[in-house]
Amino acid sequence: VQFVMAEATANEDVFAKGLLELLTPVVQECDERINDVLVSQADLSQQIDLLTNELQLFMNTATIPTLGPHIQKLSSAKERMDNINNTLTKINARLDRLQKGGSPQNK
């Protein structure tokens, strides 16, 4: 019975190591891509802020009423993008925790 238990444990260890070796590159690639998206989101957020400020300055000096809805759309898009950015940050943190907690040595 002890031999069977030892063999089952060895098989589980081999399976766990194989699964970890298989998933580690996938998790790392996802992590890299999420980081790239986060950088792009930050750049986009900065550009939207600059454009919003420029449009607001223009709105304060000009009497063109049609830009108001566009400024609102930009603000709404920035808010949605910030929400997506927060979600991606949470996903990235989860992937980091999974990667750190997924190795057989941490169990």
C-alpha atoms as a PDB file:
ATOM      1  CA  VAL A   1       0.000   0.000   0.000  1.00  0.00           C
ATOM      2  CA  GLN A   2       2.886   2.358   0.811  1.00  0.00           C
ATOM      3  CA  PHE A   3       4.487   1.588  -2.559  1.00  0.00           C
ATOM      4  CA  VAL A   4       1.240   2.415  -4.375  1.00  0.00           C
ATOM      5  CA  MET A   5       0.896   5.674  -2.402  1.00  0.00           C
ATOM      6  CA  ALA A   6       4.503   6.621  -3.147  1.00  0.00           C
ATOM      7  CA  GLU A   7       4.014   5.842  -6.827  1.00  0.00           C
ATOM      8  CA  ALA A   8       0.811   7.905  -6.930  1.00  0.00           C
ATOM      9  CA  THR A   9       2.592  10.834  -5.271  1.00  0.00           C
ATOM     10  CA  ALA A  10       5.474  10.531  -7.735  1.00  0.00           C
ATOM     11  CA  ASN A  11       3.012  10.493 -10.633  1.00  0.00           C
ATOM     12  CA  GLU A  12       1.287  13.582  -9.239  1.00  0.00           C
ATOM     13  CA  ASP A  13       4.641  15.351  -8.936  1.00  0.00           C
ATOM     14  CA  VAL A  14       5.558  14.452 -12.512  1.00  0.00           C
ATOM     15  CA  PHE A  15       2.157  15.635 -13.723  1.00  0.00           C
ATOM     16  CA  ALA A  16       2.422  18.883 -11.735  1.00  0.00           C
ATOM     17  CA  LYS A  17       5.920  19.584 -13.080  1.00  0.00           C
ATOM     18  CA  GLY A  18       4.848  18.808 -16.637  1.00  0.00           C
ATOM     19  CA  LEU A  19       1.779  21.008 -16.334  1.00  0.00           C
ATOM     20  CA  LEU A  20       3.872  23.817 -14.874  1.00  0.00           C
ATOM     21  CA  GLU A  21       6.418  23.539 -17.691  1.00  0.00           C
ATOM     22  CA  LEU A  22       3.586  23.627 -20.208  1.00  0.00           C
ATOM     23  CA  LEU A  23       1.762  26.600 -18.701  1.00  0.00           C
ATOM     24  CA  THR A  24       4.706  28.780 -17.614  1.00  0.00           C
ATOM     25  CA  PRO A  25       5.506  30.101 -21.127  1.00  0.00           C
ATOM     26  CA  VAL A  26       1.819  30.795 -21.764  1.00  0.00           C
ATOM     27  CA  VAL A  27       1.468  32.711 -18.503  1.00  0.00           C
ATOM     28  CA  GLN A  28       4.664  34.641 -19.199  1.00  0.00           C
ATOM     29  CA  GLU A  29       3.482  35.578 -22.681  1.00  0.00           C
ATOM     30  CA  CYS A  30       0.108  36.683 -21.309  1.00  0.00           C
ATOM     31  CA  ASP A  31       1.903  38.697 -18.645  1.00  0.00           C
ATOM     32  CA  GLU A  32       4.097  40.405 -21.266  1.00  0.00           C
ATOM     33  CA  ARG A  33       1.126  41.208 -23.466  1.00  0.00           C
ATOM     34  CA  ILE A  34      -0.870  42.553 -20.536  1.00  0.00           C
ATOM     35  CA  ASN A  35       2.074  44.763 -19.598  1.00  0.00           C
ATOM     36  CA  ASP A  36       2.234  46.006 -23.203  1.00  0.00           C
ATOM     37  CA  VAL A  37      -1.479  46.775 -23.101  1.00  0.00           C
ATOM     38  CA  LEU A  38      -1.060  48.604 -19.793  1.00  0.00           C
ATOM     39  CA  VAL A  39       1.687  50.779 -21.293  1.00  0.00           C
ATOM     40  CA  SER A  40      -0.466  51.482 -24.355  1.00  0.00           C
ATOM     41  CA  GLN A  41      -3.448  52.284 -22.141  1.00  0.00           C
ATOM     42  CA  ALA A  42      -1.349  54.737 -20.111  1.00  0.00           C
ATOM     43  CA  ASP A  43      -0.133  56.432 -23.313  1.00  0.00           C
ATOM     44  CA  LEU A  44      -3.660  56.608 -24.672  1.00  0.00           C
ATOM     45  CA  SER A  45      -4.948  57.994 -21.390  1.00  0.00           C
ATOM     46  CA  GLN A  46      -2.313  60.719 -21.462  1.00  0.00           C
ATOM     47  CA  GLN A  47      -3.178  61.626 -25.060  1.00  0.00           C
ATOM     48  CA  ILE A  48      -6.895  61.732 -24.266  1.00  0.00           C
ATOM     49  CA  ASP A  49      -6.181  64.009 -21.298  1.00  0.00           C
ATOM     50  CA  LEU A  50      -4.141  66.347 -23.512  1.00  0.00           C
ATOM     51  CA  LEU A  51      -6.825  66.418 -26.176  1.00  0.00           C
ATOM     52  CA  THR A  52      -9.568  66.976 -23.615  1.00  0.00           C
ATOM     53  CA  ASN A  53      -7.641  69.892 -22.122  1.00  0.00           C
ATOM     54  CA  GLU A  54      -7.063  71.401 -25.561  1.00  0.00           C
ATOM     55  CA  LEU A  55     -10.714  71.026 -26.478  1.00  0.00           C
ATOM     56  CA  GLN A  56     -11.780  72.516 -23.148  1.00  0.00           C
ATOM     57  CA  LEU A  57      -9.467  75.480 -23.744  1.00  0.00           C
ATOM     58  CA  PHE A  58     -10.947  75.863 -27.209  1.00  0.00           C
ATOM     59  CA  MET A  59     -14.468  75.636 -25.801  1.00  0.00           C
ATOM     60  CA  ASN A  60     -13.665  78.400 -23.315  1.00  0.00           C
ATOM     61  CA  THR A  61     -12.429  80.724 -26.068  1.00  0.00           C
ATOM     62  CA  ALA A  62     -14.782  79.782 -28.893  1.00  0.00           C
ATOM     63  CA  THR A  63     -18.547  79.880 -29.199  1.00  0.00           C
ATOM     64  CA  ILE A  64     -18.947  76.610 -31.069  1.00  0.00           C
ATOM     65  CA  PRO A  65     -21.576  74.591 -29.198  1.00  0.00           C
ATOM     66  CA  THR A  66     -21.115  71.374 -31.179  1.00  0.00           C
ATOM     67  CA  LEU A  67     -17.881  70.343 -29.420  1.00  0.00           C
ATOM     68  CA  GLY A  68     -19.568  69.705 -26.070  1.00  0.00           C
ATOM     69  CA  PRO A  69     -20.886  66.260 -27.045  1.00  0.00           C
ATOM     70  CA  HIS A  70     -17.485  65.302 -28.452  1.00  0.00           C
ATOM     71  CA  ILE A  71     -15.728  66.304 -25.256  1.00  0.00           C
ATOM     72  CA  GLN A  72     -18.279  64.241 -23.338  1.00  0.00           C
ATOM     73  CA  LYS A  73     -17.622  61.263 -25.619  1.00  0.00           C
ATOM     74  CA  LEU A  74     -13.874  61.603 -25.043  1.00  0.00           C
ATOM     75  CA  SER A  75     -14.396  61.801 -21.304  1.00  0.00           C
ATOM     76  CA  SER A  76     -16.658  58.763 -21.441  1.00  0.00           C
ATOM     77  CA  ALA A  77     -14.120  56.853 -23.545  1.00  0.00           C
ATOM     78  CA  LYS A  78     -11.370  57.757 -21.074  1.00  0.00           C
ATOM     79  CA  GLU A  79     -13.500  56.543 -18.176  1.00  0.00           C
ATOM     80  CA  ARG A  80     -14.189  53.242 -19.935  1.00  0.00           C
ATOM     81  CA  MET A  81     -10.509  52.897 -20.794  1.00  0.00           C
ATOM     82  CA  ASP A  82      -9.570  53.564 -17.160  1.00  0.00           C
ATOM     83  CA  ASN A  83     -12.010  50.836 -16.100  1.00  0.00           C
ATOM     84  CA  ILE A  84     -10.439  48.448 -18.604  1.00  0.00           C
ATOM     85  CA  ASN A  85      -7.002  49.428 -17.365  1.00  0.00           C
ATOM     86  CA  ASN A  86      -8.057  48.644 -13.783  1.00  0.00           C
ATOM     87  CA  THR A  87      -9.411  45.279 -14.891  1.00  0.00           C
ATOM     88  CA  LEU A  88      -6.184  44.490 -16.750  1.00  0.00           C
ATOM     89  CA  THR A  89      -4.174  45.442 -13.674  1.00  0.00           C
ATOM     90  CA  LYS A  90      -6.244  43.042 -11.578  1.00  0.00           C
ATOM     91  CA  ILE A  91      -5.801  40.290 -14.175  1.00  0.00           C
ATOM     92  CA  ASN A  92      -2.060  40.922 -14.255  1.00  0.00           C
ATOM     93  CA  ALA A  93      -1.902  40.657 -10.455  1.00  0.00           C
ATOM     94  CA  ARG A  94      -3.863  37.383 -10.572  1.00  0.00           C
ATOM     95  CA  LEU A  95      -1.529  35.982 -13.208  1.00  0.00           C
ATOM     96  CA  ASP A  96       1.456  36.974 -11.090  1.00  0.00           C
ATOM     97  CA  ARG A  97      -0.076  35.257  -8.046  1.00  0.00           C
ATOM     98  CA  LEU A  98      -0.877  32.161 -10.120  1.00  0.00           C
ATOM     99  CA  GLN A  99       2.618  32.066 -11.536  1.00  0.00           C
ATOM    100  CA  LYS A 100       4.209  32.442  -8.097  1.00  0.00           C
ATOM    101  CA  GLY A 101       1.791  30.050  -6.423  1.00  0.00           C
ATOM    102  CA  GLY A 102       1.711  27.480  -9.222  1.00  0.00           C
ATOM    103  CA  SER A 103       5.171  26.028  -8.755  1.00  0.00           C
ATOM    104  CA  PRO A 104       5.406  22.698  -6.892  1.00  0.00           C
ATOM    105  CA  GLN A 105       8.001  24.173  -4.500  1.00  0.00           C
ATOM    106  CA  ASN A 106       5.431  26.661  -3.121  1.00  0.00           C
ATOM    107  CA  LYS A 107       2.925  23.982  -2.176  1.00  0.00           C
END
